[in-house]
Protein backbone atom coordinates (compact mmCIF):
# COMPACT_ATOMS: atom_id res chain seq x y z
CA MET A 1 -0.93 50.80 -15.91
CA ARG A 2 -4.37 51.98 -14.48
CA SER A 3 -5.83 51.24 -18.08
CA THR A 4 -3.89 48.00 -18.16
CA ARG A 5 -5.36 46.84 -14.95
CA ARG A 6 -8.83 47.83 -16.03
CA MET A 7 -8.74 45.81 -18.94
CA TRP A 8 -7.35 42.67 -16.80
CA PHE A 9 -10.23 43.25 -14.37
CA VAL A 10 -12.76 43.10 -16.82
CA ALA A 11 -11.40 40.04 -18.60
CA ALA A 12 -11.28 38.56 -15.49
CA LEU A 13 -15.19 39.46 -15.21
CA PHE A 14 -16.19 37.75 -18.35
CA LEU A 15 -13.79 34.28 -18.30
CA PRO A 16 -16.07 32.47 -15.56
CA VAL A 17 -18.98 33.42 -17.46
CA ALA A 18 -18.00 32.14 -20.83
CA SER A 19 -16.48 28.98 -19.13
CA GLY A 20 -19.94 28.34 -17.04
CA GLY A 21 -22.05 28.93 -20.19
CA GLN A 22 -20.91 26.13 -22.25
CA ALA A 23 -23.54 23.71 -22.89
CA PRO A 24 -22.37 19.94 -21.71
CA THR A 25 -20.58 17.61 -24.03
CA VAL A 26 -23.16 15.10 -25.26
CA ILE A 27 -21.80 11.88 -26.59
CA ALA A 28 -22.87 8.80 -28.62
CA MET A 29 -24.51 5.92 -26.62
CA ASP A 30 -21.62 4.04 -28.09
CA GLN A 31 -18.95 6.00 -26.07
CA GLU A 32 -21.28 6.40 -22.90
CA PRO A 33 -18.97 4.06 -20.26
CA HIS A 34 -21.55 1.85 -18.90
CA HIS A 35 -22.81 0.69 -22.46
CA HIS A 36 -21.16 -2.51 -23.18
CA LEU A 37 -21.81 -3.81 -26.74
CA VAL A 38 -22.13 -7.42 -26.59
CA LEU A 39 -23.74 -8.08 -30.16
CA GLN A 40 -23.49 -6.62 -33.38
CA ASN A 41 -25.00 -7.91 -36.79
CA ASP A 42 -26.78 -6.24 -39.75
CA PHE A 43 -30.12 -5.75 -37.37
CA VAL A 44 -28.90 -4.65 -34.40
CA LYS A 45 -26.61 -3.60 -31.74
CA VAL A 46 -27.27 -4.99 -28.11
CA PHE A 47 -25.74 -2.99 -25.04
CA LYS A 48 -25.36 -4.71 -21.39
CA VAL A 49 -25.99 -1.69 -19.09
CA GLU A 50 -25.16 -2.16 -15.34
CA VAL A 51 -24.97 0.76 -12.89
CA ALA A 52 -24.02 0.65 -9.16
CA PRO A 53 -26.18 2.38 -6.86
CA GLY A 54 -25.86 6.21 -6.64
CA ASP A 55 -23.85 5.93 -10.06
CA SER A 56 -24.66 7.80 -13.10
CA ILE A 57 -24.86 7.40 -17.09
CA ALA A 58 -23.28 10.43 -18.71
CA MET A 59 -25.44 12.19 -20.52
CA HIS A 60 -25.34 10.77 -24.11
CA ARG A 61 -27.32 10.82 -27.48
CA HIS A 62 -29.16 8.14 -29.34
CA ASP A 63 -28.23 7.72 -33.05
CA ARG A 64 -30.85 5.28 -33.73
CA ASP A 65 -34.53 4.05 -32.41
CA THR A 66 -33.18 1.89 -29.18
CA ILE A 67 -35.43 -0.23 -26.93
CA ALA A 68 -34.27 -0.45 -23.49
CA ILE A 69 -35.58 -3.26 -21.48
CA ALA A 70 -35.25 -2.70 -17.74
CA VAL A 71 -33.93 -5.92 -16.05
CA GLY A 72 -35.36 -5.77 -12.34
CA GLU A 73 -37.06 -2.73 -10.76
CA GLN A 74 -35.21 0.71 -11.08
CA MET A 75 -35.35 4.09 -9.47
CA VAL A 76 -33.69 6.61 -11.25
CA THR A 77 -33.45 10.15 -11.98
CA VAL A 78 -33.54 11.30 -15.99
CA GLY A 79 -31.77 14.28 -16.78
CA PHE A 80 -32.05 16.41 -20.24
CA PRO A 81 -30.06 18.86 -21.35
CA ASP A 82 -33.30 21.46 -21.81
CA LYS A 83 -35.81 20.61 -19.42
CA PRO A 84 -35.94 19.67 -15.93
CA GLU A 85 -34.88 16.26 -14.76
CA ILE A 86 -37.53 13.38 -13.81
CA HIS A 87 -37.50 10.91 -11.07
CA GLN A 88 -39.15 8.11 -11.85
CA LYS A 89 -39.73 4.30 -11.50
CA ASN A 90 -38.79 1.67 -14.62
CA PRO A 91 -40.91 -1.18 -13.65
CA ASP A 92 -39.17 -4.93 -14.10
CA GLY A 93 -39.51 -6.00 -17.75
CA GLN A 94 -40.25 -2.32 -18.95
CA LEU A 95 -39.57 -1.47 -22.47
CA ARG A 96 -38.69 1.70 -23.75
CA LEU A 97 -38.29 3.01 -27.18
CA GLN A 98 -35.92 5.94 -27.01
CA LYS A 99 -36.17 7.40 -30.24
CA VAL A 100 -33.52 8.60 -32.83
CA GLY A 101 -32.17 11.91 -31.28
CA TYR A 102 -32.99 11.48 -27.55
CA VAL A 103 -30.62 13.03 -25.29
CA HIS A 104 -30.61 12.32 -22.02
CA SER A 105 -28.68 11.00 -18.75
CA THR A 106 -29.52 8.52 -15.73
CA ARG A 107 -28.58 8.94 -12.10
CA VAL A 108 -29.18 5.64 -10.15
CA ASP A 109 -30.87 5.91 -6.49
CA VAL A 110 -28.69 4.89 -3.87
CA GLY A 111 -29.62 1.80 -2.18
CA THR A 112 -31.01 0.64 -5.76
CA ALA A 113 -29.05 -1.59 -8.84
CA TYR A 114 -29.66 -0.80 -12.08
CA HIS A 115 -29.71 -3.52 -15.12
CA THR A 116 -30.86 -2.46 -18.48
CA VAL A 117 -30.25 -4.31 -22.34
CA ALA A 118 -30.28 -1.90 -24.48
CA VAL A 119 -31.35 -2.63 -28.55
CA GLU A 120 -30.33 -0.57 -31.02
CA LEU A 121 -32.40 -0.91 -34.34
CA LEU A 122 -29.75 -0.40 -37.17
CA HIS A 123 -32.68 0.31 -39.82
CA PRO A 124 -35.05 3.10 -40.01
CA GLN A 125 -38.46 1.72 -38.22
CA GLY A 126 -41.43 2.56 -40.74
CA ASN A 127 -44.62 2.90 -39.32
CA PRO A 128 -43.79 2.38 -35.67
CA ARG A 129 -46.55 2.00 -33.35
CA ASN A 130 -47.61 0.72 -29.83
CA LEU A 131 -49.44 -2.49 -29.60
CA CYS A 132 -50.65 -3.91 -25.80
CA ALA A 133 -47.74 -1.55 -24.06
CA PRO A 134 -46.76 1.74 -24.12
CA VAL A 135 -43.62 1.29 -25.34
CA MET A 136 -43.51 4.52 -27.25
CA ALA A 137 -44.52 7.00 -24.68
CA GLY A 138 -47.82 8.89 -24.75
CA LEU A 139 -48.94 7.16 -27.79
CA PRO A 140 -51.85 4.98 -28.07
CA LEU A 141 -52.39 1.37 -27.70
CA ASN A 142 -53.14 -0.80 -30.97
CA CYS A 143 -54.10 -3.96 -28.96
CA PRO A 144 -55.65 -6.84 -30.94
CA GLU A 145 -58.94 -7.95 -29.39
CA THR A 146 -57.07 -11.17 -29.21
CA PRO A 147 -53.26 -11.12 -29.45
CA ALA A 148 -52.07 -12.81 -32.23
CA GLY A 149 -50.78 -16.39 -31.08
CA ALA A 150 -50.80 -15.30 -27.73
CA SER A 151 -51.99 -17.88 -25.43
CA SER A 152 -51.64 -21.89 -24.64
CA GLN A 153 -51.54 -24.10 -21.86
CA LYS A 154 -47.37 -23.44 -21.91
CA ASN A 155 -47.00 -19.60 -22.50
CA ILE A 156 -48.62 -15.99 -22.86
CA GLY A 157 -47.58 -13.71 -25.42
CA GLN A 158 -48.15 -10.15 -25.23
CA PRO A 159 -47.61 -8.22 -28.21
CA GLN A 160 -45.49 -4.90 -27.04
CA PHE A 161 -44.28 -2.88 -30.26
CA GLN A 162 -44.57 -3.16 -34.30
CA SER A 163 -42.99 -1.53 -37.21
CA ASP A 164 -42.97 -2.47 -41.01
CA GLN A 165 -39.41 -4.03 -40.03
CA THR A 166 -39.72 -5.39 -36.34
CA ARG A 167 -41.87 -7.41 -33.93
CA VAL A 168 -41.50 -7.43 -30.32
CA GLN A 169 -43.73 -9.22 -27.79
CA LEU A 170 -43.06 -10.25 -24.02
CA VAL A 171 -43.28 -14.05 -23.77
CA ARG A 172 -44.46 -15.51 -20.29
CA VAL A 173 -43.45 -19.26 -20.08
CA LEU A 174 -45.59 -21.03 -17.16
CA PRO A 175 -44.07 -22.75 -14.34
CA ARG A 176 -42.89 -26.26 -15.28
CA GLN A 177 -43.39 -25.29 -19.18
CA SER A 178 -41.35 -25.17 -22.42
CA VAL A 179 -41.52 -23.46 -25.43
CA ASN A 180 -39.80 -23.30 -28.84
CA VAL A 181 -38.28 -20.31 -29.99
CA GLY A 182 -36.36 -19.35 -33.35
CA HIS A 183 -38.40 -18.82 -36.47
CA ARG A 184 -37.39 -20.02 -39.91
CA GLU A 185 -39.19 -17.09 -41.32
CA TYR A 186 -37.54 -14.21 -39.71
CA PHE A 187 -34.32 -13.05 -37.83
CA GLN A 188 -34.98 -13.56 -34.21
CA LEU A 189 -33.52 -12.09 -30.40
CA ILE A 190 -34.69 -13.33 -27.36
CA VAL A 191 -33.80 -11.56 -23.85
CA ALA A 192 -34.08 -13.30 -20.72
CA LEU A 193 -35.77 -11.63 -17.92
CA ASP A 194 -36.08 -14.68 -15.41
CA PRO A 195 -33.68 -17.79 -14.85
CA ALA A 196 -34.42 -20.39 -17.66
CA THR A 197 -32.61 -23.07 -19.39
CA ILE A 198 -32.56 -23.19 -23.39
CA SER A 199 -31.54 -26.76 -25.12
CA ALA A 200 -31.83 -28.06 -28.64
CA ALA A 201 -35.43 -29.07 -29.87
CA SER A 202 -34.04 -32.41 -30.80
CA GLY A 203 -33.29 -33.08 -27.23
CA LYS A 204 -29.09 -33.78 -27.98
CA GLY A 205 -26.69 -31.77 -26.48
CA HIS A 206 -25.97 -29.78 -23.21
CA GLU A 207 -28.89 -27.22 -21.80
CA LYS A 208 -27.41 -23.86 -21.33
CA LYS A 209 -28.60 -21.81 -18.39
CA LEU A 210 -29.93 -18.21 -19.15
CA ARG A 211 -30.00 -15.71 -16.22
CA PRO A 212 -31.66 -12.38 -16.31
CA GLY A 213 -30.44 -10.17 -18.98
CA ASP A 214 -28.56 -13.04 -21.30
CA PHE A 215 -29.51 -13.29 -24.68
CA VAL A 216 -29.93 -15.34 -27.74
CA TRP A 217 -29.47 -14.54 -31.23
CA PHE A 218 -31.03 -16.51 -33.94
CA GLU A 219 -30.56 -16.64 -37.91
CA MET A 220 -33.35 -16.88 -40.19
CA GLY A 221 -33.60 -20.58 -41.33
CA GLY A 222 -31.53 -21.68 -38.52
CA ALA A 223 -31.86 -24.29 -35.91
CA SER A 224 -34.83 -23.63 -33.25
CA ARG A 225 -34.57 -24.10 -29.45
CA VAL A 226 -36.44 -25.27 -26.30
CA PHE A 227 -36.66 -22.35 -23.88
CA THR A 228 -37.62 -24.31 -20.56
CA ASN A 229 -38.65 -22.96 -17.37
CA SER A 230 -37.98 -25.49 -14.52
CA GLY A 231 -39.36 -22.98 -11.39
CA LYS A 232 -42.38 -22.47 -10.03
CA SER A 233 -43.43 -18.99 -11.10
CA GLU A 234 -43.42 -17.62 -14.71
CA ALA A 235 -40.22 -17.07 -16.63
CA ARG A 236 -40.40 -14.22 -19.18
CA PHE A 237 -38.37 -13.73 -22.05
CA VAL A 238 -38.67 -10.30 -24.52
CA GLU A 239 -38.70 -11.97 -28.21
CA PHE A 240 -37.59 -9.86 -31.30
CA ALA A 241 -38.52 -10.85 -34.74
CA PHE A 242 -37.01 -8.98 -37.90
CA SER A 243 -37.74 -9.30 -41.40
CA PRO A 244 -35.12 -10.02 -44.01
CA ILE A 245 -33.67 -6.22 -45.29
CA ASP A 246 -32.43 -6.14 -48.99
CA PRO A 247 -29.22 -4.01 -49.37
CA LYS A 248 -30.97 -1.24 -50.29
CA GLY A 249 -32.60 -1.46 -46.56
CA LYS A 250 -36.19 -2.14 -48.03
CA VAL A 251 -38.17 -5.21 -46.72
CA ILE A 252 -38.29 -8.12 -48.70
CA ASP A 253 -41.36 -10.38 -47.25
CA ALA A 254 -43.29 -7.69 -45.31
CA PRO A 255 -44.61 -4.96 -47.18
CA GLY A 256 -47.92 -4.84 -45.19
CA GLY A 257 -46.01 -4.87 -42.09
CA LEU A 258 -44.33 -7.57 -40.16
CA GLN A 259 -46.71 -10.65 -39.64
CA THR A 260 -47.23 -12.71 -36.26
CA PRO A 261 -43.91 -15.55 -37.10
CA ARG A 262 -45.41 -18.98 -37.34
CA ARG A 263 -44.24 -21.07 -34.28
CA LEU A 264 -41.96 -23.60 -34.57
CA THR A 265 -42.94 -27.03 -32.89
CA ALA A 266 -40.05 -29.65 -32.13
CA GLU A 267 -41.35 -31.63 -34.96
CA ASN A 268 -41.03 -29.28 -37.85
CA GLY A 269 -37.73 -27.59 -37.20
CA SER A 270 -34.64 -28.92 -37.64
CA ASP A 271 -31.56 -28.80 -35.03
CA HIS A 272 -28.71 -29.82 -37.74
CA ALA A 273 -28.14 -26.25 -38.96
CA ARG A 274 -24.70 -25.09 -40.26
CA ASP A 275 -22.78 -23.06 -37.82
CA SER A 276 -23.64 -19.83 -39.87
CA THR A 277 -27.07 -20.29 -39.01
CA GLY A 278 -26.50 -21.49 -35.50
CA PRO A 279 -27.58 -19.22 -32.39
CA VAL A 280 -25.44 -16.67 -30.71
CA PHE A 281 -25.21 -16.57 -27.41
CA GLY A 282 -24.76 -13.71 -24.76
CA ALA A 283 -24.08 -13.24 -21.08
CA ARG A 284 -23.89 -10.80 -19.11
CA ALA A 285 -20.37 -8.43 -19.72
CA GLY A 286 -17.56 -10.48 -18.32
CA GLU A 287 -19.59 -13.56 -17.55
CA GLN A 288 -19.74 -16.65 -20.15
């Protein structure tokens, strides 16, 4: 009996250690409950992520490169499985590249909101680099002396990130001004950071309101649209341009890297596209 009791006592001592020593479960981003998939095509998965103050995003991994766009200022604590957590501020409009294999959790400060649009890039990104913003943390900037197509009397373009497959820029539309969006040369995604409207370049049809975090997808060769800022301050949006990809995953028309797309004007862009090339609009989860 004494021998049996000793065996149970030893087993009881080791059971909590074994249980407590298990590594936390790491799920894929797609499985994380706060990540709501709102668009998927051959180039991207777009997720809307909204978290209540004091709530947390579970520990998860990124299976592909993802660009996270902060919609509004964020105060968060980022946790990692193998190093101390970090408390940080994500400024409104900040873009962060979360590389394939990145594992983290995010706890939102009490009294603050959290709204992010996460754009998962479905193709491997060749030769990725920062342009005029530290999208890839800790790496140098490669900002052109005069950013291509950057400024006009209507808008200011700020190149953010570029690879052989993708180019990203932040566009600031000045008050009471409009700019055409949608390029015949490339597939395109825009994500609004401020209230604005979007409409057909021909002036026909109804305007659609864009709220912070809303997005529009444009097919290559499709119709352009007009992004209008009717407010008294700048209205910003993030613009992604994607090179065409062949069935083997190779870039078709940009062997030396994606070039700055030619901006369409109302005169040279048709607004009478087939349904298959029309824009795809997206709002917050549960809103239309």
